[in-house]
Amino acid sequence: MHRPSLRFFAVLGLLLGLALAQAPVQDLVLRVLLEEAKEATVGVNAHLRLSGYGDQNQPAASVKLGVSGAEVLVNGQPSGPWVEFQATDGLFTLEGKPYRGSLQAIAQSGKLLLINRVWLEDYLLGVVPGEVPRSFPAEVLRAQAILARTFALYRLNPRALYDICDDERCQVYLGYRAETPEHNAAVEATRGLIVSYGQQPITAVYHADSGGHTAASQEVWGGSVPYLIARPDPYSQSPKGTWGFTLSPQAVARQLVSQGLLIGDVQGLEVVQYTESGRVARLRVRGNLKSTDLVGPQATRFLRGLGLPSTRITLNGWNVTGFGVGHGVGMSQWGARGFALQGWDFRQILGYYYPGTFLSSFEVVEGLRERLLAAGYMPTQGVQSAAPFESLLSSLLGTAR
C-alpha cells in the first residue's frame, strides 16, 4: 500500500490550517531587557532625553548611568526614576554594542533595568541572525522570522516593565551589528506575518535539532497543546546531532538534591519508559537508601540539569548516547533546513511543524490592535513618542515599590 509522503502532510496542513490574511501590516514598539546592572555607559548621537523631570534636546554624548535609591543617575546627577535616550539617527550603543531604537533606564531595587524600546520589525533584524546562520536556505530564515515575530507578540506584557529578555531564555537578540542582508530580506519578505491558532499568536517554541523526531509539548512541559505534537523529523541532522556524555554519581546526587530528592549514595540510572518521540518518559535512579522514579517534565528537568543537550538518549551504565540539541518541541531549525533543501517553502515548513495553525497578520488576533494602542505599544508618533509609556511607567514603578 502506498504511504503518504511528508510533503503530502505539509500540503494538507496548508490546506486545512494555513491562510494568509490580507489585513494591513502594522508595527509595534517592543521593550527588550538588555541588561540589569549597577552602572552602564551609553553612547548616543544628537538626541532627545526624556525623564520624569522633563524632556531636553541634547548633543552627541557618552553618558555614564548609575542608580541611587529610586533614582537614575546621569553623569552623577539624579534624573528621576527613569530616563530615555532617543537619538535622531535611531541608534545607540550600550557598553559599545549598537542597537536600533531608544534606550530606557529604570531604577529598580537598587539596579538599573536597561531596556531597548524598538520597533518589532527592527528587533527581528537582530534576532533572526542569533537563531539561524545566514548560510541556511532563505525559506528557513523566513520561517524563523515569522516564529520570532510570533514569539515576541505572545510575550507582550503591559503590566511589566519590559516584555522580553535578550538571551536564550527568551530569544537571542544580538542588535544592530549582527544584521546581514540575508536575514534582513527574510524579515522584510514576511513583514507582519505570525502563526496563529484560535485568533491568538501561538506558543512559538522552536529548537536547534530534534534528533530525528520532534517532541509533543506534553512530553517536555506537561501541558498538551494541539499544534505542538510529536512528528517524524527525518532531515534534522546537525553537526552536533549525535553526542556522548559521561555522568557521575556525584553530579546525579547534586541534581537530585536541587530537585528536593534524597536517596543516599547514587548507585545507578535506568530508563524505564520512553515517549512517542523517543525521549525519556520515566527514569529510575537507584540509591543505597531507596530508588525513585522521575516522570515526564521532572525527568526532563533532571536530565537537562545534568547538562545533557537533549533527552532523546540511551543509557549504558554512566555513559549516555544522545540525539538532537534542545527541548525538541516545535520547529527544528536543522530539520527545517533539510526540508528547504528538498524544495519546501516557509509555508510548508510551518504547516508541518505546527499543524492546524494559520499564517496571518497579527491584526487578525481579535481585539489586539485596540489593546496595543491602549497600552502604548503602537504610538501614533513613532518610537519618539514616549507619552503612552509615562503613565504606564509611573503606575508600574509605584506598584513595584
Protein backbone atom coordinates (compact mmCIF):
# COMPACT_ATOMS: atom_id res chain seq x y z
CA MET A 1 0.00 0.00 0.00
CA HIS A 2 1.32 3.45 -0.94
CA ARG A 3 2.26 5.54 2.16
CA PRO A 4 1.63 9.32 2.01
CA SER A 5 4.84 11.38 1.87
CA LEU A 6 5.90 14.07 4.34
CA ARG A 7 5.24 16.62 1.60
CA PHE A 8 1.64 15.39 1.44
CA PHE A 9 1.16 16.04 5.16
CA ALA A 10 2.69 19.52 4.85
CA VAL A 11 0.41 20.41 1.93
CA LEU A 12 -2.56 19.00 3.85
CA GLY A 13 -1.60 21.22 6.80
CA LEU A 14 -1.60 24.19 4.45
CA LEU A 15 -4.99 23.34 3.00
CA LEU A 16 -6.56 22.78 6.42
CA GLY A 17 -4.75 25.33 8.51
CA LEU A 18 -2.60 27.98 6.87
CA ALA A 19 -4.38 31.02 5.47
CA LEU A 20 -2.73 34.30 4.57
CA ALA A 21 -4.86 37.20 5.81
CA GLN A 22 -4.95 40.41 3.82
CA ALA A 23 -5.13 42.78 6.80
CA PRO A 24 -2.84 45.82 6.55
CA VAL A 25 0.61 45.35 8.05
CA GLN A 26 1.30 47.28 11.26
CA ASP A 27 4.23 47.54 13.62
CA LEU A 28 4.54 47.96 17.35
CA VAL A 29 7.07 49.04 19.94
CA LEU A 30 8.67 46.20 21.88
CA ARG A 31 10.51 46.56 25.21
CA VAL A 32 13.59 44.32 25.36
CA LEU A 33 15.59 43.94 28.58
CA LEU A 34 19.25 44.17 27.57
CA GLU A 35 20.88 44.17 30.98
CA GLU A 36 20.45 44.59 34.72
CA ALA A 37 23.39 46.49 36.20
CA LYS A 38 24.53 48.95 38.85
CA GLU A 39 26.06 51.19 36.18
CA ALA A 40 26.40 51.40 32.42
CA THR A 41 27.84 53.52 29.61
CA VAL A 42 25.56 54.68 26.81
CA GLY A 43 26.72 56.24 23.57
CA VAL A 44 24.27 58.33 21.59
CA ASN A 45 24.38 60.97 18.87
CA ALA A 46 22.21 64.10 18.96
CA HIS A 47 19.17 63.01 20.90
CA LEU A 48 16.07 63.77 22.90
CA ARG A 49 16.50 62.91 26.58
CA LEU A 50 13.23 62.19 28.36
CA SER A 51 12.69 61.70 32.09
CA GLY A 52 10.24 62.29 34.88
CA TYR A 53 11.84 65.74 35.21
CA GLY A 54 11.09 66.77 31.62
CA ASP A 55 12.43 66.46 28.06
CA GLN A 56 15.62 68.02 26.70
CA ASN A 57 17.38 68.06 23.34
CA GLN A 58 21.00 67.03 23.85
CA PRO A 59 24.13 66.82 21.63
CA ALA A 60 26.05 63.61 20.99
CA ALA A 61 27.46 62.21 24.20
CA SER A 62 28.88 59.25 26.05
CA VAL A 63 26.78 59.03 29.21
CA LYS A 64 27.56 57.27 32.47
CA LEU A 65 24.47 55.82 34.12
CA GLY A 66 24.16 54.78 37.75
CA VAL A 67 21.50 54.33 40.38
CA SER A 68 20.91 55.82 43.80
CA GLY A 69 17.88 54.56 45.67
CA ALA A 70 14.88 55.09 43.41
CA GLU A 71 16.64 57.48 41.01
CA VAL A 72 18.64 57.03 37.84
CA LEU A 73 21.92 58.96 37.86
CA VAL A 74 23.03 60.54 34.57
CA ASN A 75 26.68 61.52 34.82
CA GLY A 76 26.22 61.52 38.58
CA GLN A 77 23.13 63.74 38.54
CA PRO A 78 19.72 62.48 39.82
CA SER A 79 17.31 62.33 36.89
CA GLY A 80 14.17 60.69 38.30
CA PRO A 81 13.03 57.07 38.38
CA TRP A 82 13.55 56.61 34.63
CA VAL A 83 15.40 58.18 31.71
CA GLU A 84 15.11 57.54 28.00
CA PHE A 85 17.57 58.38 25.21
CA GLN A 86 16.13 58.80 21.70
CA ALA A 87 18.74 59.57 19.06
CA THR A 88 17.71 61.35 15.89
CA ASP A 89 19.56 58.68 13.87
CA GLY A 90 17.64 55.88 15.63
CA LEU A 91 20.73 54.20 17.10
CA PHE A 92 22.54 53.99 20.45
CA THR A 93 25.29 51.89 21.97
CA LEU A 94 25.27 50.13 25.33
CA GLU A 95 28.77 49.21 26.51
CA GLY A 96 29.90 49.72 22.93
CA LYS A 97 27.28 47.41 21.37
CA PRO A 98 24.95 49.17 18.88
CA TYR A 99 21.17 48.80 18.82
CA ARG A 100 18.28 50.28 16.89
CA GLY A 101 15.56 52.22 18.71
CA SER A 102 15.88 54.01 22.05
CA LEU A 103 17.30 53.10 25.44
CA GLN A 104 15.28 53.39 28.62
CA ALA A 105 16.97 53.14 32.03
CA ILE A 106 14.72 52.41 35.02
CA ALA A 107 15.79 52.38 38.67
CA GLN A 108 14.50 49.20 40.26
CA SER A 109 15.54 47.53 43.54
CA GLY A 110 18.96 49.19 43.60
CA LYS A 111 19.75 48.30 39.97
CA LEU A 112 19.23 49.70 36.51
CA LEU A 113 16.91 47.93 34.11
CA LEU A 114 18.36 48.82 30.69
CA ILE A 115 15.56 48.40 28.18
CA ASN A 116 15.63 48.79 24.42
CA ARG A 117 12.39 50.27 23.05
CA VAL A 118 12.41 49.21 19.42
CA TRP A 119 10.01 48.59 16.58
CA LEU A 120 9.18 44.89 16.42
CA GLU A 121 10.35 44.60 12.79
CA ASP A 122 13.69 46.26 13.66
CA TYR A 123 14.05 43.96 16.68
CA LEU A 124 13.72 40.94 14.39
CA LEU A 125 16.67 42.16 12.32
CA GLY A 126 18.84 41.45 15.37
CA VAL A 127 17.07 38.25 16.44
CA VAL A 128 16.99 36.08 13.33
CA PRO A 129 20.83 36.19 12.97
CA GLY A 130 21.11 34.96 16.56
CA GLU A 131 18.90 31.95 15.85
CA VAL A 132 19.87 30.67 12.37
CA PRO A 133 23.02 31.29 10.30
CA ARG A 134 22.90 33.25 7.06
CA SER A 135 24.11 30.14 5.20
CA PHE A 136 20.76 28.40 5.79
CA PRO A 137 18.24 28.43 2.91
CA ALA A 138 16.14 31.59 2.60
CA GLU A 139 12.94 29.66 3.35
CA VAL A 140 14.30 28.66 6.77
CA LEU A 141 15.23 32.27 7.53
CA ARG A 142 11.69 33.30 6.56
CA ALA A 143 10.11 30.64 8.76
CA GLN A 144 12.38 31.70 11.64
CA ALA A 145 11.46 35.37 11.19
CA ILE A 146 7.75 34.51 11.43
CA LEU A 147 8.28 32.40 14.55
CA ALA A 148 10.42 35.06 16.22
CA ARG A 149 7.75 37.67 15.48
CA THR A 150 5.05 35.37 16.86
CA PHE A 151 7.09 34.60 19.98
CA ALA A 152 7.62 38.31 20.69
CA LEU A 153 3.95 39.12 20.20
CA TYR A 154 2.98 36.29 22.55
CA ARG A 155 5.27 37.75 25.22
CA LEU A 156 3.82 41.29 25.27
CA ASN A 157 3.09 42.21 28.89
CA PRO A 158 1.88 45.77 29.53
CA ARG A 159 1.71 45.01 33.26
CA ALA A 160 5.51 44.57 33.44
CA LEU A 161 8.40 46.97 32.93
CA TYR A 162 9.59 45.03 29.87
CA ASP A 163 8.23 42.38 27.52
CA ILE A 164 11.13 40.09 26.69
CA CYS A 165 14.79 39.42 27.53
CA ASP A 166 17.66 39.28 25.04
CA ASP A 167 19.15 35.81 25.62
CA GLU A 168 18.26 32.14 25.15
CA ARG A 169 15.70 32.29 27.98
CA CYS A 170 13.58 34.28 25.50
CA GLN A 171 15.15 34.82 22.08
CA VAL A 172 18.78 35.62 21.32
CA TYR A 173 18.87 39.32 20.34
CA LEU A 174 22.25 40.47 19.01
CA GLY A 175 21.40 44.03 17.99
CA TYR A 176 22.40 46.14 15.00
CA ARG A 177 25.90 44.76 14.40
CA ALA A 178 24.60 41.24 13.72
CA GLU A 179 22.34 42.25 10.83
CA THR A 180 23.01 40.71 7.42
CA PRO A 181 21.38 41.22 4.01
CA GLU A 182 20.04 37.63 4.04
CA HIS A 183 18.37 37.95 7.45
CA ASN A 184 17.03 41.43 6.68
CA ALA A 185 15.49 40.13 3.46
CA ALA A 186 13.74 37.32 5.36
CA VAL A 187 12.24 39.76 7.87
CA GLU A 188 11.08 42.13 5.13
CA ALA A 189 9.63 39.30 2.99
CA THR A 190 7.43 38.15 5.90
CA ARG A 191 6.71 41.57 7.39
CA GLY A 192 3.78 41.47 9.82
CA LEU A 193 3.14 37.72 9.48
CA ILE A 194 2.65 35.47 12.51
CA VAL A 195 1.44 31.94 13.18
CA SER A 196 -1.92 31.95 14.97
CA TYR A 197 -4.37 29.46 16.42
CA GLY A 198 -7.85 30.33 17.63
CA GLN A 199 -7.23 34.00 16.71
CA GLN A 200 -4.25 34.18 19.08
CA PRO A 201 -0.49 34.02 18.46
CA ILE A 202 0.75 30.50 19.07
CA THR A 203 3.30 29.44 21.64
CA ALA A 204 6.03 29.69 19.01
CA VAL A 205 8.66 27.43 20.55
CA TYR A 206 11.45 26.07 18.39
CA HIS A 207 14.83 24.41 18.87
CA ALA A 208 18.06 23.52 17.07
CA ASP A 209 17.86 19.80 16.26
CA SER A 210 15.16 17.27 17.17
CA GLY A 211 17.46 14.29 16.69
CA GLY A 212 15.07 12.75 14.17
CA HIS A 213 11.70 13.20 15.89
CA THR A 214 10.09 16.30 17.41
CA ALA A 215 8.50 16.10 20.84
CA ALA A 216 4.97 16.89 21.96
CA SER A 217 4.67 19.73 24.46
CA GLN A 218 3.14 17.31 26.96
CA GLU A 219 6.34 15.21 26.96
CA VAL A 220 8.54 18.13 27.89
CA TRP A 221 6.41 20.55 29.93
CA GLY A 222 3.36 18.51 30.91
CA GLY A 223 0.69 20.55 29.13
CA SER A 224 -0.98 19.41 25.94
CA VAL A 225 -1.08 21.94 23.06
CA PRO A 226 -2.98 20.82 19.94
CA TYR A 227 -0.41 22.09 17.43
CA LEU A 228 2.73 21.04 19.40
CA ILE A 229 2.72 17.33 18.68
CA ALA A 230 5.37 14.67 18.08
CA ARG A 231 6.31 14.30 14.39
CA PRO A 232 9.00 12.44 12.42
CA ASP A 233 11.81 14.83 11.51
CA PRO A 234 13.98 12.89 9.06
CA TYR A 235 16.16 15.77 7.87
CA SER A 236 17.14 17.08 11.32
CA GLN A 237 20.82 16.25 11.12
CA SER A 238 23.11 18.84 12.66
CA PRO A 239 26.89 18.51 13.10
CA LYS A 240 26.33 18.01 16.84
CA GLY A 241 23.21 15.90 16.42
CA THR A 242 24.72 12.71 17.84
CA TRP A 243 26.72 13.11 21.02
CA GLY A 244 28.14 11.29 24.02
CA PHE A 245 28.19 12.26 27.69
CA THR A 246 29.58 10.62 30.82
CA LEU A 247 27.67 11.10 34.07
CA SER A 248 28.96 10.66 37.61
CA PRO A 249 27.18 9.57 40.81
CA GLN A 250 28.21 12.85 42.43
CA ALA A 251 26.66 15.00 39.68
CA VAL A 252 23.47 12.92 39.76
CA ALA A 253 23.24 13.31 43.55
CA ARG A 254 23.68 17.09 43.34
CA GLN A 255 20.93 17.41 40.74
CA LEU A 256 18.59 15.24 42.82
CA VAL A 257 19.20 17.46 45.88
CA SER A 258 18.44 20.57 43.77
CA GLN A 259 15.06 18.98 43.00
CA GLY A 260 14.43 18.11 46.65
CA LEU A 261 15.13 14.37 46.35
CA LEU A 262 17.34 12.35 48.74
CA ILE A 263 18.10 8.68 48.01
CA GLY A 264 21.51 8.27 49.65
CA ASP A 265 24.56 7.27 47.62
CA VAL A 266 23.59 7.08 43.94
CA GLN A 267 24.19 3.62 42.51
CA GLY A 268 22.71 3.73 39.00
CA LEU A 269 20.24 5.04 36.43
CA GLU A 270 17.73 3.21 34.25
CA VAL A 271 15.33 4.40 31.57
CA VAL A 272 12.06 2.64 32.38
CA GLN A 273 9.87 4.19 29.68
CA TYR A 274 10.23 6.31 26.54
CA THR A 275 7.79 8.78 25.00
CA GLU A 276 6.35 8.55 21.49
CA SER A 277 9.25 10.67 20.21
CA GLY A 278 11.94 8.54 21.87
CA ARG A 279 12.61 10.83 24.83
CA VAL A 280 12.79 9.72 28.44
CA ALA A 281 9.31 9.42 29.97
CA ARG A 282 10.30 7.63 33.20
CA LEU A 283 13.77 7.46 34.69
CA ARG A 284 14.64 5.33 37.71
CA VAL A 285 17.50 6.44 39.96
CA ARG A 286 18.78 3.85 42.42
CA GLY A 287 20.36 4.80 45.75
CA ASN A 288 21.55 2.86 48.79
CA LEU A 289 18.58 4.15 50.80
CA LYS A 290 15.86 3.89 48.16
CA SER A 291 15.05 4.25 44.49
CA THR A 292 12.96 6.98 42.94
CA ASP A 293 11.24 7.37 39.59
CA LEU A 294 11.34 10.69 37.78
CA VAL A 295 8.40 11.07 35.39
CA GLY A 296 7.70 13.39 32.47
CA PRO A 297 8.75 17.04 33.00
CA GLN A 298 10.51 16.07 36.24
CA ALA A 299 12.75 13.66 34.30
CA THR A 300 13.32 16.31 31.61
CA ARG A 301 14.37 18.89 34.19
CA PHE A 302 16.70 16.37 35.83
CA LEU A 303 18.46 15.31 32.63
CA ARG A 304 18.80 18.83 31.25
CA GLY A 305 20.04 19.95 34.67
CA LEU A 306 22.87 17.44 34.30
CA GLY A 307 23.95 19.27 31.14
CA LEU A 308 22.58 16.87 28.52
CA PRO A 309 21.83 18.64 25.22
CA SER A 310 18.53 16.73 24.87
CA THR A 311 16.54 13.92 26.49
CA ARG A 312 16.42 11.69 23.42
CA ILE A 313 19.02 9.34 24.87
CA THR A 314 20.09 5.80 25.63
CA LEU A 315 21.98 4.79 28.78
CA ASN A 316 24.80 2.27 29.18
CA GLY A 317 25.88 2.47 32.79
CA TRP A 318 27.06 6.05 33.32
CA ASN A 319 27.59 6.59 29.60
CA VAL A 320 24.93 8.49 27.65
CA THR A 321 24.42 8.45 23.89
CA GLY A 322 22.15 11.25 22.79
CA PHE A 323 20.44 12.61 19.70
CA GLY A 324 19.49 16.19 18.96
CA VAL A 325 20.02 19.55 20.65
CA GLY A 326 17.28 21.39 22.55
CA HIS A 327 13.87 20.56 24.01
CA GLY A 328 12.59 19.15 20.71
CA VAL A 329 9.21 20.92 20.62
CA GLY A 330 8.04 22.84 17.54
CA MET A 331 10.25 23.63 14.57
CA SER A 332 13.66 22.04 14.40
CA GLN A 333 15.94 24.58 12.73
CA TRP A 334 18.14 21.87 11.23
CA GLY A 335 15.08 19.86 10.24
CA ALA A 336 13.66 22.93 8.52
CA ARG A 337 16.95 23.30 6.66
CA GLY A 338 16.60 19.75 5.40
CA PHE A 339 13.02 20.31 4.24
CA ALA A 340 14.05 23.54 2.48
CA LEU A 341 16.80 21.67 0.63
CA GLN A 342 14.07 19.27 -0.55
CA GLY A 343 12.25 22.23 -2.09
CA TRP A 344 9.77 23.13 0.66
CA ASP A 345 8.90 26.82 1.22
CA PHE A 346 8.34 28.51 4.57
CA ARG A 347 4.57 27.91 4.45
CA GLN A 348 5.05 24.15 4.08
CA ILE A 349 7.71 24.09 6.79
CA LEU A 350 5.49 25.91 9.30
CA GLY A 351 2.49 23.81 8.27
CA TYR A 352 4.40 20.65 9.07
CA TYR A 353 5.82 21.66 12.44
CA TYR A 354 2.65 23.45 13.66
CA PRO A 355 -0.29 21.54 12.13
CA GLY A 356 -3.70 23.18 12.26
CA THR A 357 -2.35 26.71 12.64
CA PHE A 358 -2.83 29.76 10.43
CA LEU A 359 -0.36 32.14 8.81
CA SER A 360 -1.79 35.61 9.24
CA SER A 361 -1.20 39.26 10.00
CA PHE A 362 -1.08 39.86 13.73
CA GLU A 363 -4.05 42.19 13.31
CA VAL A 364 -6.34 39.18 12.84
CA VAL A 365 -5.88 38.47 16.54
CA GLU A 366 -9.22 39.52 17.96
CA GLY A 367 -9.11 42.93 19.63
CA LEU A 368 -5.32 43.03 19.57
CA ARG A 369 -4.88 46.35 17.77
CA GLU A 370 -7.13 48.16 20.23
CA ARG A 371 -5.34 46.63 23.22
CA LEU A 372 -1.93 47.54 21.80
CA LEU A 373 -2.97 51.12 21.17
CA ALA A 374 -4.41 51.45 24.66
CA ALA A 375 -1.23 50.09 26.25
CA GLY A 376 1.09 52.31 24.18
CA TYR A 377 2.66 49.59 22.03
CA MET A 378 1.54 51.34 18.84
CA PRO A 379 2.19 55.08 19.45
CA THR A 380 0.85 57.23 16.65
CA GLN A 381 4.03 59.36 16.51
CA GLY A 382 6.58 56.54 16.34
CA VAL A 383 9.19 55.41 18.82
CA GLN A 384 9.97 59.06 19.59
CA SER A 385 6.60 59.34 21.34
CA ALA A 386 7.03 58.15 24.92
CA ALA A 387 3.84 59.71 26.25
CA PRO A 388 1.76 56.50 26.37
CA PHE A 389 4.52 54.85 28.42
CA GLU A 390 4.93 57.62 31.01
CA SER A 391 1.68 56.89 32.86
CA LEU A 392 2.32 53.16 32.47
CA LEU A 393 5.80 53.51 33.98
CA SER A 394 4.51 55.62 36.84
CA SER A 395 1.88 53.05 37.75
CA LEU A 396 4.26 50.10 37.39
CA LEU A 397 7.02 51.72 39.43
CA GLY A 398 4.53 52.70 42.09
CA THR A 399 3.26 49.12 42.27
CA ALA A 400 6.77 47.66 42.35
CA ARG A 401 7.79 49.83 45.26
